[in-house]
Amino acid sequence: MKVDSSPDSYIGSVAGGPQKATAPAAAEASAAASTASAAKSQTGVTVTLSSSTTEARSVSGGDVFNADKVASMKAAIANGSFQVNAEAIADKMLANAAEMLGPRT
């Protein structure tokens, strides 16, 4: 894959195209002011979950991960005793690829 760094690349055209730096300090000051005003306008947002989402959260137990397992893995990595099971990782990658490339139902 070739990375195109020309100013006519797609990303440059989406982001407004190449622009020359005329006054970098003024541009930074104006960007900081607009960020500050945007932060002030978004002080509170109300989020409402659907009944199915609320039900799914209560059925799953609410815990997304096992904190004890994470702590033990972190300690094993820190002391150098963590063993990676390459076969299990490869099996999972192949299963995911088969699922993505498989027939759509």
C-alpha atoms as a PDB file:
ATOM      1  CA  MET A   1       0.000   0.000   0.000  1.00  0.00           C
ATOM      2  CA  LYS A   2       1.384   3.373  -0.990  1.00  0.00           C
ATOM      3  CA  VAL A   3       0.939   6.397   1.242  1.00  0.00           C
ATOM      4  CA  ASP A   4       0.340   9.559  -0.736  1.00  0.00           C
ATOM      5  CA  SER A   5       1.698  12.685   0.898  1.00  0.00           C
ATOM      6  CA  SER A   6       0.846  15.043  -1.923  1.00  0.00           C
ATOM      7  CA  PRO A   7      -1.322  18.069  -1.126  1.00  0.00           C
ATOM      8  CA  ASP A   8      -3.921  16.795  -3.590  1.00  0.00           C
ATOM      9  CA  SER A   9      -4.610  13.646  -1.568  1.00  0.00           C
ATOM     10  CA  TYR A  10      -8.140  12.720  -0.537  1.00  0.00           C
ATOM     11  CA  ILE A  11      -7.636  13.632   3.108  1.00  0.00           C
ATOM     12  CA  GLY A  12      -6.405  17.096   2.186  1.00  0.00           C
ATOM     13  CA  SER A  13      -9.449  17.676   0.019  1.00  0.00           C
ATOM     14  CA  VAL A  14     -11.835  16.503   2.738  1.00  0.00           C
ATOM     15  CA  ALA A  15     -10.182  18.637   5.397  1.00  0.00           C
ATOM     16  CA  GLY A  16     -10.529  21.757   3.295  1.00  0.00           C
ATOM     17  CA  GLY A  17      -7.463  21.302   1.146  1.00  0.00           C
ATOM     18  CA  PRO A  18      -3.979  22.544   1.735  1.00  0.00           C
ATOM     19  CA  GLN A  19      -3.807  25.887   3.463  1.00  0.00           C
ATOM     20  CA  LYS A  20      -0.819  28.174   3.823  1.00  0.00           C
ATOM     21  CA  ALA A  21       0.178  29.275   7.295  1.00  0.00           C
ATOM     22  CA  THR A  22      -0.365  33.026   7.208  1.00  0.00           C
ATOM     23  CA  ALA A  23      -0.537  33.791  10.908  1.00  0.00           C
ATOM     24  CA  PRO A  24       0.040  30.705  13.066  1.00  0.00           C
ATOM     25  CA  ALA A  25      -0.323  32.540  16.380  1.00  0.00           C
ATOM     26  CA  ALA A  26      -3.614  34.112  15.328  1.00  0.00           C
ATOM     27  CA  ALA A  27      -4.921  30.768  14.070  1.00  0.00           C
ATOM     28  CA  GLU A  28      -3.997  29.045  17.339  1.00  0.00           C
ATOM     29  CA  ALA A  29      -5.660  31.793  19.382  1.00  0.00           C
ATOM     30  CA  SER A  30      -8.845  31.603  17.328  1.00  0.00           C
ATOM     31  CA  ALA A  31      -8.908  27.786  17.606  1.00  0.00           C
ATOM     32  CA  ALA A  32      -8.443  27.954  21.380  1.00  0.00           C
ATOM     33  CA  ALA A  33     -11.250  30.504  21.691  1.00  0.00           C
ATOM     34  CA  SER A  34     -13.651  28.380  19.640  1.00  0.00           C
ATOM     35  CA  THR A  35     -12.769  25.264  21.679  1.00  0.00           C
ATOM     36  CA  ALA A  36     -13.392  27.117  24.935  1.00  0.00           C
ATOM     37  CA  SER A  37     -16.755  28.441  23.758  1.00  0.00           C
ATOM     38  CA  ALA A  38     -17.781  24.971  22.554  1.00  0.00           C
ATOM     39  CA  ALA A  39     -16.874  23.478  25.950  1.00  0.00           C
ATOM     40  CA  LYS A  40     -18.976  26.093  27.744  1.00  0.00           C
ATOM     41  CA  SER A  41     -22.030  25.413  25.567  1.00  0.00           C
ATOM     42  CA  GLN A  42     -21.982  21.652  26.302  1.00  0.00           C
ATOM     43  CA  THR A  43     -22.337  21.693  30.065  1.00  0.00           C
ATOM     44  CA  GLY A  44     -24.979  18.966  30.371  1.00  0.00           C
ATOM     45  CA  VAL A  45     -26.429  16.300  28.132  1.00  0.00           C
ATOM     46  CA  THR A  46     -29.326  14.019  29.052  1.00  0.00           C
ATOM     47  CA  VAL A  47     -29.030  10.427  27.882  1.00  0.00           C
ATOM     48  CA  THR A  48     -31.983   8.044  27.967  1.00  0.00           C
ATOM     49  CA  LEU A  49     -31.509   4.300  27.492  1.00  0.00           C
ATOM     50  CA  SER A  50     -34.138   2.194  25.768  1.00  0.00           C
ATOM     51  CA  SER A  51     -35.956  -0.508  27.718  1.00  0.00           C
ATOM     52  CA  SER A  52     -34.165  -3.256  25.776  1.00  0.00           C
ATOM     53  CA  THR A  53     -30.782  -1.753  26.635  1.00  0.00           C
ATOM     54  CA  THR A  54     -31.698  -1.467  30.294  1.00  0.00           C
ATOM     55  CA  GLU A  55     -32.899  -5.076  30.289  1.00  0.00           C
ATOM     56  CA  ALA A  56     -29.727  -6.318  28.568  1.00  0.00           C
ATOM     57  CA  ARG A  57     -27.562  -4.546  31.121  1.00  0.00           C
ATOM     58  CA  SER A  58     -29.418  -6.117  34.041  1.00  0.00           C
ATOM     59  CA  VAL A  59     -29.260  -9.622  32.505  1.00  0.00           C
ATOM     60  CA  SER A  60     -25.520  -9.464  31.808  1.00  0.00           C
ATOM     61  CA  GLY A  61     -24.733  -8.642  35.431  1.00  0.00           C
ATOM     62  CA  GLY A  62     -23.395  -5.186  34.682  1.00  0.00           C
ATOM     63  CA  ASP A  63     -19.689  -6.093  35.042  1.00  0.00           C
ATOM     64  CA  VAL A  64     -17.907  -5.891  31.723  1.00  0.00           C
ATOM     65  CA  PHE A  65     -14.593  -7.338  32.944  1.00  0.00           C
ATOM     66  CA  ASN A  66     -13.126  -9.249  35.861  1.00  0.00           C
ATOM     67  CA  ALA A  67     -11.009  -6.780  37.840  1.00  0.00           C
ATOM     68  CA  ASP A  68      -9.141  -9.550  39.692  1.00  0.00           C
ATOM     69  CA  LYS A  69      -8.122 -11.209  36.416  1.00  0.00           C
ATOM     70  CA  VAL A  70      -6.977  -7.884  34.988  1.00  0.00           C
ATOM     71  CA  ALA A  71      -4.892  -7.200  38.109  1.00  0.00           C
ATOM     72  CA  SER A  72      -3.257 -10.646  37.985  1.00  0.00           C
ATOM     73  CA  MET A  73      -2.459 -10.274  34.264  1.00  0.00           C
ATOM     74  CA  LYS A  74      -1.003  -6.806  34.889  1.00  0.00           C
ATOM     75  CA  ALA A  75       1.214  -8.219  37.642  1.00  0.00           C
ATOM     76  CA  ALA A  76       2.325 -11.122  35.399  1.00  0.00           C
ATOM     77  CA  ILE A  77       3.265  -8.694  32.616  1.00  0.00           C
ATOM     78  CA  ALA A  78       5.131  -6.473  35.080  1.00  0.00           C
ATOM     79  CA  ASN A  79       7.229  -9.329  36.487  1.00  0.00           C
ATOM     80  CA  GLY A  80       7.792 -10.971  33.093  1.00  0.00           C
ATOM     81  CA  SER A  81       5.929 -14.219  33.736  1.00  0.00           C
ATOM     82  CA  PHE A  82       2.996 -13.606  31.358  1.00  0.00           C
ATOM     83  CA  GLN A  83       2.779 -16.295  28.659  1.00  0.00           C
ATOM     84  CA  VAL A  84       1.016 -15.557  25.358  1.00  0.00           C
ATOM     85  CA  ASN A  85      -0.958 -18.479  23.881  1.00  0.00           C
ATOM     86  CA  ALA A  86      -0.225 -17.922  20.191  1.00  0.00           C
ATOM     87  CA  GLU A  87      -2.345 -20.905  19.128  1.00  0.00           C
ATOM     88  CA  ALA A  88      -5.458 -19.527  20.849  1.00  0.00           C
ATOM     89  CA  ILE A  89      -4.885 -16.100  19.282  1.00  0.00           C
ATOM     90  CA  ALA A  90      -4.439 -17.629  15.814  1.00  0.00           C
ATOM     91  CA  ASP A  91      -7.593 -19.745  16.213  1.00  0.00           C
ATOM     92  CA  LYS A  92      -9.627 -16.691  17.235  1.00  0.00           C
ATOM     93  CA  MET A  93      -8.242 -14.621  14.329  1.00  0.00           C
ATOM     94  CA  LEU A  94      -9.139 -17.376  11.847  1.00  0.00           C
ATOM     95  CA  ALA A  95     -12.621 -17.718  13.327  1.00  0.00           C
ATOM     96  CA  ASN A  96     -13.169 -13.948  13.070  1.00  0.00           C
ATOM     97  CA  ALA A  97     -11.927 -13.899   9.472  1.00  0.00           C
ATOM     98  CA  ALA A  98     -14.206 -16.815   8.559  1.00  0.00           C
ATOM     99  CA  GLU A  99     -17.145 -15.018  10.165  1.00  0.00           C
ATOM    100  CA  MET A 100     -16.447 -11.791   8.245  1.00  0.00           C
ATOM    101  CA  LEU A 101     -15.862 -13.556   4.930  1.00  0.00           C
ATOM    102  CA  GLY A 102     -18.656 -16.091   5.339  1.00  0.00           C
ATOM    103  CA  PRO A 103     -22.037 -15.942   3.611  1.00  0.00           C
ATOM    104  CA  ARG A 104     -24.372 -13.203   4.755  1.00  0.00           C
ATOM    105  CA  THR A 105     -27.675 -14.349   6.220  1.00  0.00           C
END
